[in-house]
């Protein structure tokens, strides 16, 4: 399981080369604040596998609040045959600490 740092992801977002990003926080967490990511709460990721199929061999970045849930989903997707899934190190807490201090995450 490969990780990606928030600084690396932000740089790629600024360059317009960011991969597909999946935020696995609950909807209420996502609605408080989020980066440009698709919100698929952790509990429904298995049901959404058909929607993710186009990204099976593409780079995917998975994020959550701190990196725990996204790490689990990264492992799950890899086990389902996805070939390039990366966990955002430290999640949205790291985003707040290193990129955007005004980001609304607890």
PDB file of N, CA and C in Angstrom:
ATOM      1  N   UNK A   1       0.846  -1.179   0.000  1.00  0.00           N
ATOM      2  CA  UNK A   1       0.000   0.000   0.000  1.00  0.00           C
ATOM      3  C   UNK A   1       0.890   1.241   0.000  1.00  0.00           C
ATOM      4  N   UNK A   2       0.784   2.035  -1.018  1.00  0.00           N
ATOM      5  CA  UNK A   2       1.575   3.257  -1.135  1.00  0.00           C
ATOM      6  C   UNK A   2       0.822   4.429  -0.513  1.00  0.00           C
ATOM      7  N   UNK A   3       1.550   5.330   0.064  1.00  0.00           N
ATOM      8  CA  UNK A   3       0.960   6.542   0.622  1.00  0.00           C
ATOM      9  C   UNK A   3       1.323   7.727  -0.254  1.00  0.00           C
ATOM     10  N   UNK A   4       0.569   8.805  -0.076  1.00  0.00           N
ATOM     11  CA  UNK A   4       0.860  10.074  -0.726  1.00  0.00           C
ATOM     12  C   UNK A   4       0.740  11.140   0.354  1.00  0.00           C
ATOM     13  N   UNK A   5       1.609  12.110   0.345  1.00  0.00           N
ATOM     14  CA  UNK A   5       1.547  13.183   1.337  1.00  0.00           C
ATOM     15  C   UNK A   5       0.572  14.258   0.877  1.00  0.00           C
ATOM     16  N   UNK A   6       0.109  15.048   1.842  1.00  0.00           N
ATOM     17  CA  UNK A   6      -0.805  16.131   1.485  1.00  0.00           C
ATOM     18  C   UNK A   6      -0.103  17.158   0.601  1.00  0.00           C
ATOM     19  N   UNK A   7       1.178  17.378   0.839  1.00  0.00           N
ATOM     20  CA  UNK A   7       1.917  18.339   0.014  1.00  0.00           C
ATOM     21  C   UNK A   7       2.032  17.853  -1.426  1.00  0.00           C
ATOM     22  N   UNK A   8       2.302  16.568  -1.597  1.00  0.00           N
ATOM     23  CA  UNK A   8       2.380  16.021  -2.951  1.00  0.00           C
ATOM     24  C   UNK A   8       1.021  16.100  -3.655  1.00  0.00           C
ATOM     25  N   UNK A   9      -0.044  15.767  -2.935  1.00  0.00           N
ATOM     26  CA  UNK A   9      -1.373  15.832  -3.541  1.00  0.00           C
ATOM     27  C   UNK A   9      -1.746  17.265  -3.891  1.00  0.00           C
ATOM     28  N   UNK A  10      -1.490  18.201  -3.005  1.00  0.00           N
ATOM     29  CA  UNK A  10      -1.809  19.614  -3.262  1.00  0.00           C
ATOM     30  C   UNK A  10      -1.058  20.112  -4.489  1.00  0.00           C
ATOM     31  N   UNK A  11       0.203  19.757  -4.595  1.00  0.00           N
ATOM     32  CA  UNK A  11       1.002  20.162  -5.752  1.00  0.00           C
ATOM     33  C   UNK A  11       0.377  19.621  -7.045  1.00  0.00           C
ATOM     34  N   UNK A  12      -0.014  18.375  -7.013  1.00  0.00           N
ATOM     35  CA  UNK A  12      -0.622  17.775  -8.204  1.00  0.00           C
ATOM     36  C   UNK A  12      -1.989  18.391  -8.500  1.00  0.00           C
ATOM     37  N   UNK A  13      -2.735  18.744  -7.469  1.00  0.00           N
ATOM     38  CA  UNK A  13      -4.018  19.420  -7.685  1.00  0.00           C
ATOM     39  C   UNK A  13      -3.781  20.780  -8.346  1.00  0.00           C
ATOM     40  N   UNK A  14      -2.798  21.514  -7.851  1.00  0.00           N
ATOM     41  CA  UNK A  14      -2.490  22.830  -8.411  1.00  0.00           C
ATOM     42  C   UNK A  14      -2.030  22.733  -9.867  1.00  0.00           C
ATOM     43  N   UNK A  15      -1.359  21.640 -10.208  1.00  0.00           N
ATOM     44  CA  UNK A  15      -0.874  21.434 -11.574  1.00  0.00           C
ATOM     45  C   UNK A  15      -1.937  20.847 -12.498  1.00  0.00           C
ATOM     46  N   UNK A  16      -3.079  20.462 -11.924  1.00  0.00           N
ATOM     47  CA  UNK A  16      -4.134  19.852 -12.724  1.00  0.00           C
ATOM     48  C   UNK A  16      -3.857  18.396 -13.069  1.00  0.00           C
ATOM     49  N   UNK A  17      -2.993  17.743 -12.301  1.00  0.00           N
ATOM     50  CA  UNK A  17      -2.645  16.341 -12.569  1.00  0.00           C
ATOM     51  C   UNK A  17      -3.059  15.420 -11.428  1.00  0.00           C
ATOM     52  N   UNK A  18      -3.997  15.871 -10.614  1.00  0.00           N
ATOM     53  CA  UNK A  18      -4.426  15.060  -9.473  1.00  0.00           C
ATOM     54  C   UNK A  18      -5.177  13.825  -9.953  1.00  0.00           C
ATOM     55  N   UNK A  19      -4.977  12.717  -9.270  1.00  0.00           N
ATOM     56  CA  UNK A  19      -5.735  11.506  -9.587  1.00  0.00           C
ATOM     57  C   UNK A  19      -7.158  11.610  -9.040  1.00  0.00           C
ATOM     58  N   UNK A  20      -7.945  10.602  -9.288  1.00  0.00           N
ATOM     59  CA  UNK A  20      -9.276  10.490  -8.682  1.00  0.00           C
ATOM     60  C   UNK A  20      -9.077  10.393  -7.174  1.00  0.00           C
ATOM     61  N   UNK A  21      -9.846  11.198  -6.417  1.00  0.00           N
ATOM     62  CA  UNK A  21      -9.747  11.216  -4.962  1.00  0.00           C
ATOM     63  C   UNK A  21     -11.088  10.772  -4.392  1.00  0.00           C
ATOM     64  N   UNK A  22     -11.017   9.846  -3.447  1.00  0.00           N
ATOM     65  CA  UNK A  22     -12.211   9.353  -2.772  1.00  0.00           C
ATOM     66  C   UNK A  22     -12.092   9.687  -1.292  1.00  0.00           C
ATOM     67  N   UNK A  23     -13.094  10.381  -0.771  1.00  0.00           N
ATOM     68  CA  UNK A  23     -13.140  10.742   0.649  1.00  0.00           C
ATOM     69  C   UNK A  23     -14.114   9.773   1.315  1.00  0.00           C
ATOM     70  N   UNK A  24     -13.603   8.930   2.220  1.00  0.00           N
ATOM     71  CA  UNK A  24     -14.437   7.895   2.824  1.00  0.00           C
ATOM     72  C   UNK A  24     -15.002   8.304   4.187  1.00  0.00           C
ATOM     73  N   UNK A  25     -14.944   9.586   4.506  1.00  0.00           N
ATOM     74  CA  UNK A  25     -15.587  10.057   5.734  1.00  0.00           C
ATOM     75  C   UNK A  25     -17.102   9.984   5.572  1.00  0.00           C
ATOM     76  N   UNK A  26     -17.797  10.049   6.679  1.00  0.00           N
ATOM     77  CA  UNK A  26     -19.253  10.085   6.633  1.00  0.00           C
ATOM     78  C   UNK A  26     -19.703  11.378   5.955  1.00  0.00           C
ATOM     79  N   UNK A  27     -20.903  11.358   5.414  1.00  0.00           N
ATOM     80  CA  UNK A  27     -21.418  12.511   4.671  1.00  0.00           C
ATOM     81  C   UNK A  27     -21.391  13.781   5.509  1.00  0.00           C
ATOM     82  N   UNK A  28     -21.764  13.693   6.776  1.00  0.00           N
ATOM     83  CA  UNK A  28     -21.781  14.885   7.624  1.00  0.00           C
ATOM     84  C   UNK A  28     -20.371  15.456   7.815  1.00  0.00           C
ATOM     85  N   UNK A  29     -19.364  14.589   7.851  1.00  0.00           N
ATOM     86  CA  UNK A  29     -17.982  15.059   7.971  1.00  0.00           C
ATOM     87  C   UNK A  29     -17.553  15.762   6.682  1.00  0.00           C
ATOM     88  N   UNK A  30     -17.888  15.136   5.565  1.00  0.00           N
ATOM     89  CA  UNK A  30     -17.546  15.673   4.243  1.00  0.00           C
ATOM     90  C   UNK A  30     -18.201  17.036   4.034  1.00  0.00           C
ATOM     91  N   UNK A  31     -19.448  17.167   4.478  1.00  0.00           N
ATOM     92  CA  UNK A  31     -20.180  18.419   4.276  1.00  0.00           C
ATOM     93  C   UNK A  31     -19.602  19.576   5.081  1.00  0.00           C
ATOM     94  N   UNK A  32     -18.917  19.297   6.182  1.00  0.00           N
ATOM     95  CA  UNK A  32     -18.292  20.361   6.980  1.00  0.00           C
ATOM     96  C   UNK A  32     -17.209  21.065   6.187  1.00  0.00           C
ATOM     97  N   UNK A  33     -16.420  20.274   5.448  1.00  0.00           N
ATOM     98  CA  UNK A  33     -15.372  20.811   4.586  1.00  0.00           C
ATOM     99  C   UNK A  33     -14.752  19.650   3.829  1.00  0.00           C
ATOM    100  N   UNK A  34     -14.294  19.906   2.630  1.00  0.00           N
ATOM    101  CA  UNK A  34     -13.687  18.855   1.822  1.00  0.00           C
ATOM    102  C   UNK A  34     -12.845  19.448   0.703  1.00  0.00           C
ATOM    103  N   UNK A  35     -11.957  18.630   0.198  1.00  0.00           N
ATOM    104  CA  UNK A  35     -11.210  18.974  -1.003  1.00  0.00           C
ATOM    105  C   UNK A  35     -11.999  18.411  -2.178  1.00  0.00           C
ATOM    106  N   UNK A  36     -11.498  18.609  -3.393  1.00  0.00           N
ATOM    107  CA  UNK A  36     -12.191  18.085  -4.569  1.00  0.00           C
ATOM    108  C   UNK A  36     -12.051  16.568  -4.595  1.00  0.00           C
ATOM    109  N   UNK A  37     -13.031  15.913  -4.018  1.00  0.00           N
ATOM    110  CA  UNK A  37     -13.030  14.461  -3.910  1.00  0.00           C
ATOM    111  C   UNK A  37     -14.462  13.972  -3.967  1.00  0.00           C
ATOM    112  N   UNK A  38     -14.627  12.736  -4.369  1.00  0.00           N
ATOM    113  CA  UNK A  38     -15.947  12.112  -4.341  1.00  0.00           C
ATOM    114  C   UNK A  38     -16.146  11.509  -2.959  1.00  0.00           C
ATOM    115  N   UNK A  39     -17.275  11.826  -2.350  1.00  0.00           N
ATOM    116  CA  UNK A  39     -17.576  11.281  -1.029  1.00  0.00           C
ATOM    117  C   UNK A  39     -18.276   9.931  -1.167  1.00  0.00           C
ATOM    118  N   UNK A  40     -17.576   8.894  -0.715  1.00  0.00           N
ATOM    119  CA  UNK A  40     -18.144   7.549  -0.645  1.00  0.00           C
ATOM    120  C   UNK A  40     -17.849   7.049   0.761  1.00  0.00           C
ATOM    121  N   UNK A  41     -18.804   7.197   1.686  1.00  0.00           N
ATOM    122  CA  UNK A  41     -18.545   6.761   3.055  1.00  0.00           C
ATOM    123  C   UNK A  41     -18.032   5.319   3.107  1.00  0.00           C
ATOM    124  N   UNK A  42     -17.124   5.082   4.035  1.00  0.00           N
ATOM    125  CA  UNK A  42     -16.444   3.800   4.141  1.00  0.00           C
ATOM    126  C   UNK A  42     -17.399   2.608   4.069  1.00  0.00           C
ATOM    127  N   UNK A  43     -18.513   2.688   4.757  1.00  0.00           N
ATOM    128  CA  UNK A  43     -19.439   1.572   4.834  1.00  0.00           C
ATOM    129  C   UNK A  43     -20.105   1.189   3.525  1.00  0.00           C
ATOM    130  N   UNK A  44     -20.115   2.113   2.558  1.00  0.00           N
ATOM    131  CA  UNK A  44     -20.768   1.786   1.289  1.00  0.00           C
ATOM    132  C   UNK A  44     -19.786   1.576   0.139  1.00  0.00           C
ATOM    133  N   UNK A  45     -18.494   1.651   0.426  1.00  0.00           N
ATOM    134  CA  UNK A  45     -17.501   1.425  -0.638  1.00  0.00           C
ATOM    135  C   UNK A  45     -17.708   0.084  -1.342  1.00  0.00           C
ATOM    136  N   UNK A  46     -17.930  -1.028  -0.612  1.00  0.00           N
ATOM    137  CA  UNK A  46     -18.127  -2.295  -1.330  1.00  0.00           C
ATOM    138  C   UNK A  46     -19.285  -2.249  -2.333  1.00  0.00           C
ATOM    139  N   UNK A  47     -20.360  -1.568  -1.988  1.00  0.00           N
ATOM    140  CA  UNK A  47     -21.500  -1.469  -2.895  1.00  0.00           C
ATOM    141  C   UNK A  47     -21.206  -0.563  -4.088  1.00  0.00           C
ATOM    142  N   UNK A  48     -20.223   0.297  -3.966  1.00  0.00           N
ATOM    143  CA  UNK A  48     -19.876   1.246  -5.027  1.00  0.00           C
ATOM    144  C   UNK A  48     -18.761   0.739  -5.942  1.00  0.00           C
ATOM    145  N   UNK A  49     -18.300  -0.487  -5.733  1.00  0.00           N
ATOM    146  CA  UNK A  49     -17.227  -1.023  -6.574  1.00  0.00           C
ATOM    147  C   UNK A  49     -17.525  -0.913  -8.065  1.00  0.00           C
ATOM    148  N   UNK A  50     -18.763  -1.192  -8.513  1.00  0.00           N
ATOM    149  CA  UNK A  50     -19.026  -1.039  -9.954  1.00  0.00           C
ATOM    150  C   UNK A  50     -18.782   0.390 -10.460  1.00  0.00           C
ATOM    151  N   UNK A  51     -19.070   1.388  -9.619  1.00  0.00           N
ATOM    152  CA  UNK A  51     -18.830   2.782 -10.009  1.00  0.00           C
ATOM    153  C   UNK A  51     -17.338   3.106 -10.082  1.00  0.00           C
ATOM    154  N   UNK A  52     -16.542   2.380  -9.319  1.00  0.00           N
ATOM    155  CA  UNK A  52     -15.093   2.614  -9.296  1.00  0.00           C
ATOM    156  C   UNK A  52     -14.348   1.807 -10.352  1.00  0.00           C
ATOM    157  N   UNK A  53     -15.030   0.895 -10.996  1.00  0.00           N
ATOM    158  CA  UNK A  53     -14.400   0.008 -11.974  1.00  0.00           C
ATOM    159  C   UNK A  53     -13.557   0.744 -13.022  1.00  0.00           C
ATOM    160  N   UNK A  54     -14.002   1.902 -13.543  1.00  0.00           N
ATOM    161  CA  UNK A  54     -13.171   2.601 -14.535  1.00  0.00           C
ATOM    162  C   UNK A  54     -11.788   3.008 -14.009  1.00  0.00           C
ATOM    163  N   UNK A  55     -11.623   3.014 -12.698  1.00  0.00           N
ATOM    164  CA  UNK A  55     -10.359   3.428 -12.078  1.00  0.00           C
ATOM    165  C   UNK A  55      -9.519   2.239 -11.625  1.00  0.00           C
ATOM    166  N   UNK A  56      -9.897   1.032 -12.010  1.00  0.00           N
ATOM    167  CA  UNK A  56      -9.210  -0.186 -11.557  1.00  0.00           C
ATOM    168  C   UNK A  56      -7.699  -0.121 -11.798  1.00  0.00           C
ATOM    169  N   UNK A  57      -7.292   0.413 -12.930  1.00  0.00           N
ATOM    170  CA  UNK A  57      -5.858   0.488 -13.259  1.00  0.00           C
ATOM    171  C   UNK A  57      -5.345   1.921 -13.288  1.00  0.00           C
ATOM    172  N   UNK A  58      -6.120   2.826 -12.695  1.00  0.00           N
ATOM    173  CA  UNK A  58      -5.727   4.233 -12.609  1.00  0.00           C
ATOM    174  C   UNK A  58      -5.313   4.538 -11.169  1.00  0.00           C
ATOM    175  N   UNK A  59      -4.615   5.622 -11.002  1.00  0.00           N
ATOM    176  CA  UNK A  59      -4.243   6.035  -9.653  1.00  0.00           C
ATOM    177  C   UNK A  59      -5.477   6.558  -8.918  1.00  0.00           C
ATOM    178  N   UNK A  60      -5.676   6.057  -7.716  1.00  0.00           N
ATOM    179  CA  UNK A  60      -6.742   6.505  -6.820  1.00  0.00           C
ATOM    180  C   UNK A  60      -6.103   6.947  -5.516  1.00  0.00           C
ATOM    181  N   UNK A  61      -6.574   8.042  -4.964  1.00  0.00           N
ATOM    182  CA  UNK A  61      -6.150   8.472  -3.636  1.00  0.00           C
ATOM    183  C   UNK A  61      -7.364   8.399  -2.725  1.00  0.00           C
ATOM    184  N   UNK A  62      -7.189   7.770  -1.569  1.00  0.00           N
ATOM    185  CA  UNK A  62      -8.269   7.634  -0.603  1.00  0.00           C
ATOM    186  C   UNK A  62      -7.919   8.457   0.622  1.00  0.00           C
ATOM    187  N   UNK A  63      -8.892   9.242   1.092  1.00  0.00           N
ATOM    188  CA  UNK A  63      -8.660  10.083   2.266  1.00  0.00           C
ATOM    189  C   UNK A  63      -9.797   9.937   3.271  1.00  0.00           C
ATOM    190  N   UNK A  64      -9.507  10.323   4.499  1.00  0.00           N
ATOM    191  CA  UNK A  64     -10.496  10.365   5.571  1.00  0.00           C
ATOM    192  C   UNK A  64     -10.035  11.448   6.553  1.00  0.00           C
ATOM    193  N   UNK A  65     -10.453  11.352   7.787  1.00  0.00           N
ATOM    194  CA  UNK A  65     -10.070  12.356   8.781  1.00  0.00           C
ATOM    195  C   UNK A  65      -8.586  12.289   9.115  1.00  0.00           C
ATOM    196  N   UNK A  66      -8.095  11.069   9.441  1.00  0.00           N
ATOM    197  CA  UNK A  66      -6.717  10.965   9.919  1.00  0.00           C
ATOM    198  C   UNK A  66      -5.860   9.945   9.174  1.00  0.00           C
ATOM    199  N   UNK A  67      -6.457   9.170   8.297  1.00  0.00           N
ATOM    200  CA  UNK A  67      -5.706   8.167   7.544  1.00  0.00           C
ATOM    201  C   UNK A  67      -6.025   6.734   7.903  1.00  0.00           C
ATOM    202  N   UNK A  68      -6.762   6.506   8.974  1.00  0.00           N
ATOM    203  CA  UNK A  68      -7.094   5.149   9.403  1.00  0.00           C
ATOM    204  C   UNK A  68      -8.117   4.475   8.506  1.00  0.00           C
ATOM    205  N   UNK A  69      -9.270   5.109   8.340  1.00  0.00           N
ATOM    206  CA  UNK A  69     -10.310   4.537   7.482  1.00  0.00           C
ATOM    207  C   UNK A  69      -9.830   4.441   6.044  1.00  0.00           C
ATOM    208  N   UNK A  70      -9.150   5.477   5.589  1.00  0.00           N
ATOM    209  CA  UNK A  70      -8.669   5.446   4.207  1.00  0.00           C
ATOM    210  C   UNK A  70      -7.620   4.360   4.013  1.00  0.00           C
ATOM    211  N   UNK A  71      -6.830   4.085   5.046  1.00  0.00           N
ATOM    212  CA  UNK A  71      -5.874   2.983   4.969  1.00  0.00           C
ATOM    213  C   UNK A  71      -6.580   1.642   4.809  1.00  0.00           C
ATOM    214  N   UNK A  72      -7.668   1.459   5.544  1.00  0.00           N
ATOM    215  CA  UNK A  72      -8.443   0.228   5.434  1.00  0.00           C
ATOM    216  C   UNK A  72      -9.059   0.080   4.042  1.00  0.00           C
ATOM    217  N   UNK A  73      -9.576   1.173   3.505  1.00  0.00           N
ATOM    218  CA  UNK A  73     -10.192   1.117   2.174  1.00  0.00           C
ATOM    219  C   UNK A  73      -9.122   0.943   1.101  1.00  0.00           C
ATOM    220  N   UNK A  74      -7.964   1.530   1.293  1.00  0.00           N
ATOM    221  CA  UNK A  74      -6.859   1.314   0.358  1.00  0.00           C
ATOM    222  C   UNK A  74      -6.508  -0.170   0.301  1.00  0.00           C
ATOM    223  N   UNK A  75      -6.409  -0.785   1.463  1.00  0.00           N
ATOM    224  CA  UNK A  75      -6.123  -2.215   1.549  1.00  0.00           C
ATOM    225  C   UNK A  75      -7.245  -3.028   0.886  1.00  0.00           C
ATOM    226  N   UNK A  76      -8.495  -2.674   1.162  1.00  0.00           N
ATOM    227  CA  UNK A  76      -9.643  -3.373   0.590  1.00  0.00           C
ATOM    228  C   UNK A  76      -9.634  -3.292  -0.937  1.00  0.00           C
ATOM    229  N   UNK A  77      -9.455  -2.089  -1.476  1.00  0.00           N
ATOM    230  CA  UNK A  77      -9.473  -1.920  -2.930  1.00  0.00           C
ATOM    231  C   UNK A  77      -8.321  -2.671  -3.594  1.00  0.00           C
ATOM    232  N   UNK A  78      -7.169  -2.643  -2.963  1.00  0.00           N
ATOM    233  CA  UNK A  78      -6.035  -3.394  -3.494  1.00  0.00           C
ATOM    234  C   UNK A  78      -6.378  -4.882  -3.539  1.00  0.00           C
ATOM    235  N   UNK A  79      -7.034  -5.365  -2.504  1.00  0.00           N
ATOM    236  CA  UNK A  79      -7.455  -6.753  -2.454  1.00  0.00           C
ATOM    237  C   UNK A  79      -8.497  -7.106  -3.499  1.00  0.00           C
ATOM    238  N   UNK A  80      -9.202  -6.076  -3.983  1.00  0.00           N
ATOM    239  CA  UNK A  80     -10.210  -6.274  -5.022  1.00  0.00           C
ATOM    240  C   UNK A  80      -9.613  -6.152  -6.425  1.00  0.00           C
ATOM    241  N   UNK A  81      -8.299  -5.992  -6.490  1.00  0.00           N
ATOM    242  CA  UNK A  81      -7.625  -5.962  -7.780  1.00  0.00           C
ATOM    243  C   UNK A  81      -7.320  -4.582  -8.325  1.00  0.00           C
ATOM    244  N   UNK A  82      -7.573  -3.530  -7.539  1.00  0.00           N
ATOM    245  CA  UNK A  82      -7.208  -2.185  -7.976  1.00  0.00           C
ATOM    246  C   UNK A  82      -5.690  -2.067  -7.854  1.00  0.00           C
ATOM    247  N   UNK A  83      -5.066  -1.538  -8.890  1.00  0.00           N
ATOM    248  CA  UNK A  83      -3.618  -1.666  -8.999  1.00  0.00           C
ATOM    249  C   UNK A  83      -2.795  -0.482  -8.486  1.00  0.00           C
ATOM    250  N   UNK A  84      -3.425   0.678  -8.256  1.00  0.00           N
ATOM    251  CA  UNK A  84      -2.632   1.848  -7.883  1.00  0.00           C
ATOM    252  C   UNK A  84      -3.419   2.735  -6.914  1.00  0.00           C
ATOM    253  N   UNK A  85      -3.692   2.189  -5.729  1.00  0.00           N
ATOM    254  CA  UNK A  85      -4.460   2.909  -4.716  1.00  0.00           C
ATOM    255  C   UNK A  85      -3.497   3.452  -3.677  1.00  0.00           C
ATOM    256  N   UNK A  86      -3.666   4.737  -3.352  1.00  0.00           N
ATOM    257  CA  UNK A  86      -2.763   5.392  -2.395  1.00  0.00           C
ATOM    258  C   UNK A  86      -3.568   6.001  -1.256  1.00  0.00           C
ATOM    259  N   UNK A  87      -3.026   5.895  -0.067  1.00  0.00           N
ATOM    260  CA  UNK A  87      -3.642   6.454   1.131  1.00  0.00           C
ATOM    261  C   UNK A  87      -3.052   7.845   1.390  1.00  0.00           C
ATOM    262  N   UNK A  88      -3.927   8.827   1.634  1.00  0.00           N
ATOM    263  CA  UNK A  88      -3.445  10.175   1.960  1.00  0.00           C
ATOM    264  C   UNK A  88      -2.958  10.179   3.411  1.00  0.00           C
ATOM    265  N   UNK A  89      -1.657  10.312   3.580  1.00  0.00           N
ATOM    266  CA  UNK A  89      -1.047  10.278   4.913  1.00  0.00           C
ATOM    267  C   UNK A  89      -1.619  11.368   5.806  1.00  0.00           C
ATOM    268  N   UNK A  90      -2.154  10.951   6.939  1.00  0.00           N
ATOM    269  CA  UNK A  90      -2.659  11.927   7.912  1.00  0.00           C
ATOM    270  C   UNK A  90      -4.014  12.497   7.586  1.00  0.00           C
ATOM    271  N   UNK A  91      -4.557  12.177   6.435  1.00  0.00           N
ATOM    272  CA  UNK A  91      -5.900  12.606   6.059  1.00  0.00           C
ATOM    273  C   UNK A  91      -6.128  14.105   6.111  1.00  0.00           C
ATOM    274  N   UNK A  92      -7.370  14.453   6.412  1.00  0.00           N
ATOM    275  CA  UNK A  92      -7.761  15.867   6.415  1.00  0.00           C
ATOM    276  C   UNK A  92      -7.162  16.621   7.597  1.00  0.00           C
ATOM    277  N   UNK A  93      -6.793  15.909   8.649  1.00  0.00           N
ATOM    278  CA  UNK A  93      -6.080  16.580   9.746  1.00  0.00           C
ATOM    279  C   UNK A  93      -4.719  17.077   9.265  1.00  0.00           C
ATOM    280  N   UNK A  94      -4.032  16.274   8.467  1.00  0.00           N
ATOM    281  CA  UNK A  94      -2.748  16.707   7.902  1.00  0.00           C
ATOM    282  C   UNK A  94      -2.955  17.832   6.904  1.00  0.00           C
ATOM    283  N   UNK A  95      -4.057  17.771   6.139  1.00  0.00           N
ATOM    284  CA  UNK A  95      -4.372  18.843   5.191  1.00  0.00           C
ATOM    285  C   UNK A  95      -4.508  20.160   5.948  1.00  0.00           C
ATOM    286  N   UNK A  96      -5.246  20.117   7.065  1.00  0.00           N
ATOM    287  CA  UNK A  96      -5.430  21.319   7.874  1.00  0.00           C
ATOM    288  C   UNK A  96      -4.088  21.800   8.435  1.00  0.00           C
ATOM    289  N   UNK A  97      -3.272  20.895   8.931  1.00  0.00           N
ATOM    290  CA  UNK A  97      -2.001  21.259   9.568  1.00  0.00           C
ATOM    291  C   UNK A  97      -0.967  21.779   8.572  1.00  0.00           C
ATOM    292  N   UNK A  98      -0.946  21.223   7.359  1.00  0.00           N
ATOM    293  CA  UNK A  98       0.139  21.537   6.431  1.00  0.00           C
ATOM    294  C   UNK A  98      -0.270  22.373   5.216  1.00  0.00           C
ATOM    295  N   UNK A  99      -1.552  22.388   4.885  1.00  0.00           N
ATOM    296  CA  UNK A  99      -1.985  23.082   3.666  1.00  0.00           C
ATOM    297  C   UNK A  99      -2.921  24.241   3.947  1.00  0.00           C
ATOM    298  N   UNK A 100      -3.982  24.002   4.707  1.00  0.00           N
ATOM    299  CA  UNK A 100      -5.030  25.007   4.886  1.00  0.00           C
ATOM    300  C   UNK A 100      -5.496  25.032   6.340  1.00  0.00           C
ATOM    301  N   UNK A 101      -4.949  25.934   7.155  1.00  0.00           N
ATOM    302  CA  UNK A 101      -5.314  26.000   8.567  1.00  0.00           C
ATOM    303  C   UNK A 101      -6.788  26.294   8.802  1.00  0.00           C
ATOM    304  N   UNK A 102      -7.483  26.832   7.811  1.00  0.00           N
ATOM    305  CA  UNK A 102      -8.911  27.145   8.000  1.00  0.00           C
ATOM    306  C   UNK A 102      -9.809  25.955   7.666  1.00  0.00           C
ATOM    307  N   UNK A 103      -9.210  24.841   7.226  1.00  0.00           N
ATOM    308  CA  UNK A 103     -10.000  23.666   6.866  1.00  0.00           C
ATOM    309  C   UNK A 103     -10.787  23.193   8.092  1.00  0.00           C
ATOM    310  N   UNK A 104     -12.075  22.932   7.919  1.00  0.00           N
ATOM    311  CA  UNK A 104     -12.951  22.581   9.028  1.00  0.00           C
ATOM    312  C   UNK A 104     -13.007  21.074   9.249  1.00  0.00           C
ATOM    313  N   UNK A 105     -12.118  20.594  10.084  1.00  0.00           N
ATOM    314  CA  UNK A 105     -12.096  19.181  10.472  1.00  0.00           C
ATOM    315  C   UNK A 105     -11.723  19.119  11.948  1.00  0.00           C
ATOM    316  N   UNK A 106     -12.326  18.185  12.663  1.00  0.00           N
ATOM    317  CA  UNK A 106     -12.038  18.061  14.103  1.00  0.00           C
ATOM    318  C   UNK A 106     -11.263  16.808  14.373  1.00  0.00           C
TER     319      UNK A 106
END
